[in-house]
Amino acid sequence: MTAVQEERTTDDLRALAERAGRELEDASALEILRWAAETFGDRFCVTSSMEDAVVAHLASRALPGVDVVFLDTGYHFPETIGTRDAVAAVMDVNVITLTPRRTVAEQDAEHGPRLHDRDPDLCCALRKVRPLEEGLKGYQAWATGLRRDESETRANTPVVGWDEKRGKVKISPIAKWSQEDVQTYVTEHGVLTNPLLMDGYASVGCAPCTRRVLEGEDARAGRWAGRSKTECGLHG
């Protein structure tokens, strides 16, 4: 039975994730993604915020035509949508765009305008977390671009871990990379990046909740600036 056809129980997947997390800690990003491709086949996908296409590019080398899942919250910068469209056009991937159940106008009608200012956690839950949970249902494993050096909340990110909330294997192939490693890969392979990264943004999210970073700030400082919130809820 191939990886594409194989069904695994939650316990099987959890044990697989825990074992792989230990065994692949010193593996390269490409080796980790090749393991994911061989283990899960088309039950594996990459999620991308279209800040850059590094993990999507790496995954396409391990599994040509891999599904790349993008969340269109309705609040993205035009540059982010443009990056998504360019990735879909030039890379050997299958870009899948997920959207929330309600448009921004419908959400405004139900919860009032600018929910992201008044209750950013609820806004993220409605426009990011729930759509992703629905979009990942057909997969056993998903890959992210999380890196340990991005913030304290990501410092212990495993290269392969267990996503308890979704019951899936969560793969972070570039967890050990530095920003310099990312830039080196981008340069060597001509990987698409969001133009905003050249305009003072170190991390790109929804336009109303993202600002340029100041000198000395970490990469996530421009997200929900002035609030205790540091994560949208997709990663715990």
Protein backbone atom coordinates (compact mmCIF):
# COMPACT_ATOMS: atom_id res chain seq x y z
CA MET A 1 0.00 0.00 0.00
CA THR A 2 1.44 3.39 -0.97
CA ALA A 3 1.65 6.42 1.30
CA VAL A 4 -1.07 8.05 -0.79
CA GLN A 5 -3.53 5.25 -0.03
CA GLU A 6 -2.50 4.35 3.49
CA GLU A 7 -4.82 5.24 6.35
CA ARG A 8 -3.34 5.76 9.77
CA THR A 9 -4.99 6.16 13.13
CA THR A 10 -4.40 9.22 15.28
CA ASP A 11 -2.17 7.13 17.55
CA ASP A 12 -0.18 5.95 14.51
CA LEU A 13 0.33 9.51 13.34
CA ARG A 14 1.31 10.78 16.79
CA ALA A 15 3.90 8.03 17.22
CA LEU A 16 5.21 8.67 13.72
CA ALA A 17 5.60 12.39 14.46
CA GLU A 18 7.38 11.84 17.75
CA ARG A 19 9.82 9.35 16.23
CA ALA A 20 10.51 11.50 13.17
CA GLY A 21 11.05 14.57 15.34
CA ARG A 22 13.94 12.78 17.04
CA GLU A 23 15.38 11.07 13.98
CA LEU A 24 15.22 14.07 11.64
CA GLU A 25 16.44 16.79 14.01
CA ASP A 26 19.82 16.92 12.26
CA ALA A 27 18.46 16.34 8.73
CA SER A 28 18.45 19.04 6.08
CA ALA A 29 15.22 20.80 5.15
CA LEU A 30 15.09 18.96 1.84
CA GLU A 31 15.65 15.59 3.53
CA ILE A 32 12.79 16.32 5.94
CA LEU A 33 10.48 17.19 3.06
CA ARG A 34 11.52 14.12 1.08
CA TRP A 35 10.61 12.03 4.12
CA ALA A 36 7.23 13.79 4.26
CA ALA A 37 6.62 13.17 0.54
CA GLU A 38 7.52 9.48 0.82
CA THR A 39 5.52 9.01 4.02
CA PHE A 40 2.34 10.91 3.18
CA GLY A 41 2.23 11.39 -0.59
CA ASP A 42 -0.80 13.48 -1.56
CA ARG A 43 -2.00 13.49 2.05
CA PHE A 44 0.71 16.10 2.68
CA CYS A 45 0.51 19.84 1.98
CA VAL A 46 2.40 23.05 2.59
CA THR A 47 0.77 26.12 4.11
CA SER A 48 2.10 29.50 3.04
CA SER A 49 1.35 33.07 4.06
CA MET A 50 3.12 34.18 0.86
CA GLU A 51 5.69 36.10 2.85
CA ASP A 52 8.08 34.10 0.73
CA ALA A 53 7.93 30.84 -1.21
CA VAL A 54 10.94 29.12 0.34
CA VAL A 55 9.14 26.12 1.87
CA ALA A 56 6.88 25.80 -1.16
CA HIS A 57 9.96 25.75 -3.40
CA LEU A 58 11.71 23.18 -1.20
CA ALA A 59 8.59 21.00 -1.11
CA SER A 60 8.20 21.17 -4.88
CA ARG A 61 11.66 19.62 -5.18
CA ALA A 62 10.61 16.76 -2.92
CA LEU A 63 7.07 16.38 -4.29
CA PRO A 64 6.44 18.14 -7.62
CA GLY A 65 2.90 19.48 -7.83
CA VAL A 66 2.56 19.57 -4.02
CA ASP A 67 -0.52 21.34 -2.66
CA VAL A 68 0.30 24.78 -1.27
CA VAL A 69 -2.52 26.09 0.92
CA PHE A 70 -2.99 29.86 1.23
CA LEU A 71 -5.46 31.61 3.52
CA ASP A 72 -7.08 34.62 1.85
CA THR A 73 -8.42 36.46 4.87
CA GLY A 74 -9.82 39.36 2.87
CA TYR A 75 -7.36 41.68 4.62
CA HIS A 76 -4.14 40.92 2.75
CA PHE A 77 -1.84 43.49 1.19
CA PRO A 78 -2.08 43.55 -2.62
CA GLU A 79 1.58 42.49 -2.67
CA THR A 80 0.68 39.28 -0.83
CA ILE A 81 -2.03 38.35 -3.32
CA GLY A 82 0.41 39.15 -6.12
CA THR A 83 3.01 36.84 -4.61
CA ARG A 84 0.43 34.04 -4.41
CA ASP A 85 -0.47 34.51 -8.06
CA ALA A 86 3.18 34.53 -9.11
CA VAL A 87 3.92 31.35 -7.13
CA ALA A 88 0.97 29.62 -8.79
CA ALA A 89 2.17 30.73 -12.21
CA VAL A 90 5.86 29.85 -12.08
CA MET A 91 6.38 27.07 -9.51
CA ASP A 92 5.63 23.35 -9.76
CA VAL A 93 2.96 23.50 -7.05
CA ASN A 94 -0.83 23.43 -6.80
CA VAL A 95 -1.93 26.58 -4.97
CA ILE A 96 -5.20 26.16 -3.07
CA THR A 97 -6.81 29.33 -1.73
CA LEU A 98 -8.98 29.01 1.37
CA THR A 99 -11.47 31.71 2.33
CA PRO A 100 -13.50 32.31 5.50
CA ARG A 101 -17.18 31.40 5.56
CA ARG A 102 -18.08 35.11 5.64
CA THR A 103 -16.74 37.98 3.59
CA VAL A 104 -15.34 41.01 5.41
CA ALA A 105 -18.62 42.85 4.76
CA GLU A 106 -20.66 39.97 6.18
CA GLN A 107 -18.42 39.78 9.24
CA ASP A 108 -18.76 43.54 9.74
CA ALA A 109 -22.54 43.20 9.59
CA GLU A 110 -22.51 40.49 12.24
CA HIS A 111 -19.76 41.68 14.59
CA GLY A 112 -19.36 45.35 13.70
CA PRO A 113 -16.58 46.95 11.62
CA ARG A 114 -12.88 46.63 12.43
CA LEU A 115 -13.23 43.50 14.56
CA HIS A 116 -9.46 43.13 14.20
CA ASP A 117 -9.01 46.25 16.36
CA ARG A 118 -11.57 45.32 19.02
CA ASP A 119 -11.08 41.55 19.27
CA PRO A 120 -8.13 40.40 17.16
CA ASP A 121 -8.28 36.88 18.59
CA LEU A 122 -11.85 36.42 17.37
CA CYS A 123 -11.01 37.94 13.99
CA CYS A 124 -8.09 35.52 13.56
CA ALA A 125 -10.27 32.61 14.67
CA LEU A 126 -12.93 33.45 12.08
CA ARG A 127 -10.65 34.36 9.20
CA LYS A 128 -7.63 32.10 9.73
CA VAL A 129 -7.99 29.27 12.24
CA ARG A 130 -11.39 27.90 11.25
CA PRO A 131 -10.78 28.04 7.48
CA LEU A 132 -7.45 26.25 7.91
CA GLU A 133 -8.97 23.53 10.07
CA GLU A 134 -11.57 22.89 7.38
CA GLY A 135 -8.99 23.07 4.59
CA LEU A 136 -6.62 20.58 6.22
CA LYS A 137 -9.21 17.87 6.80
CA GLY A 138 -8.07 15.76 3.86
CA TYR A 139 -4.41 15.74 4.87
CA GLN A 140 -2.41 13.72 7.39
CA ALA A 141 0.50 16.16 7.55
CA TRP A 142 1.22 19.81 6.82
CA ALA A 143 4.39 21.85 6.52
CA THR A 144 4.96 25.38 7.76
CA GLY A 145 7.71 27.97 7.50
CA LEU A 146 8.15 28.39 11.26
CA ARG A 147 11.68 29.16 12.43
CA ARG A 148 13.09 29.03 15.95
CA ASP A 149 14.89 32.35 15.59
CA GLU A 150 11.74 34.34 14.77
CA SER A 151 10.54 34.84 18.35
CA GLU A 152 10.64 33.36 21.84
CA THR A 153 7.29 31.67 21.26
CA ARG A 154 8.81 29.68 18.38
CA ALA A 155 12.17 28.89 19.96
CA ASN A 156 11.31 25.23 20.62
CA THR A 157 9.65 24.45 17.29
CA PRO A 158 10.38 20.81 16.35
CA VAL A 159 11.28 19.93 12.76
CA VAL A 160 8.55 17.30 12.98
CA GLY A 161 5.94 17.49 15.72
CA TRP A 162 2.41 16.57 16.62
CA ASP A 163 -0.45 19.02 16.05
CA GLU A 164 -2.73 17.88 18.87
CA LYS A 165 -5.48 20.34 18.02
CA ARG A 166 -5.87 19.09 14.47
CA GLY A 167 -4.68 15.52 14.91
CA LYS A 168 -2.02 15.87 12.24
CA VAL A 169 1.74 15.69 11.80
CA LYS A 170 3.19 19.19 11.67
CA ILE A 171 6.45 19.66 9.79
CA SER A 172 8.69 22.72 10.09
CA PRO A 173 11.58 21.88 7.75
CA ILE A 174 13.38 25.22 8.14
CA ALA A 175 12.92 25.46 11.92
CA LYS A 176 16.70 25.51 12.43
CA TRP A 177 17.36 28.10 9.73
CA SER A 178 18.39 31.69 10.38
CA GLN A 179 17.21 34.67 8.36
CA GLU A 180 20.60 34.56 6.65
CA ASP A 181 19.94 30.93 5.64
CA VAL A 182 16.60 31.95 4.16
CA GLN A 183 18.16 34.78 2.19
CA THR A 184 20.94 32.51 0.93
CA TYR A 185 18.37 30.00 -0.35
CA VAL A 186 16.28 32.75 -1.95
CA THR A 187 19.35 34.10 -3.76
CA GLU A 188 20.71 30.72 -4.87
CA HIS A 189 17.38 29.47 -6.24
CA GLY A 190 15.73 32.74 -7.33
CA VAL A 191 12.78 32.11 -5.02
CA LEU A 192 9.85 34.51 -5.07
CA THR A 193 9.46 36.76 -2.03
CA ASN A 194 6.85 39.28 -1.01
CA PRO A 195 7.95 42.81 -2.10
CA LEU A 196 7.02 44.11 1.36
CA LEU A 197 10.10 42.36 2.78
CA MET A 198 12.13 44.98 0.92
CA ASP A 199 10.01 47.79 2.37
CA GLY A 200 10.66 47.42 6.10
CA TYR A 201 8.32 44.54 6.87
CA ALA A 202 10.02 41.55 8.50
CA SER A 203 6.86 39.48 8.87
CA VAL A 204 3.83 39.91 6.63
CA GLY A 205 0.28 39.29 7.82
CA CYS A 206 -3.05 41.05 7.35
CA ALA A 207 -2.68 44.71 6.43
CA PRO A 208 -4.62 46.21 9.39
CA CYS A 209 -2.51 44.31 11.93
CA THR A 210 0.97 44.55 10.39
CA ARG A 211 3.51 47.37 10.46
CA ARG A 212 7.15 47.82 9.53
CA VAL A 213 9.65 46.77 12.19
CA LEU A 214 12.06 49.14 13.88
CA GLU A 215 15.80 48.60 14.13
CA GLY A 216 16.61 46.00 16.80
CA GLU A 217 13.09 44.53 16.93
CA ASP A 218 12.52 40.84 16.27
CA ALA A 219 10.84 39.72 13.08
CA ARG A 220 7.42 39.35 14.69
CA ALA A 221 7.35 42.78 16.37
CA GLY A 222 5.38 44.30 13.52
CA ARG A 223 2.46 41.92 14.04
CA TRP A 224 -0.32 43.20 16.35
CA ALA A 225 2.04 45.92 17.56
CA GLY A 226 1.14 47.37 20.96
CA ARG A 227 -0.75 44.24 22.00
CA SER A 228 0.26 41.17 23.99
CA LYS A 229 -0.90 39.05 21.04
CA THR A 230 2.02 37.46 19.17
CA GLU A 231 0.38 34.58 17.26
CA CYS A 232 -2.79 34.28 15.19
CA GLY A 233 -3.72 30.89 16.64
CA LEU A 234 -2.66 28.74 13.70
CA HIS A 235 0.39 27.55 15.61
CA GLY A 236 -0.93 27.06 19.11
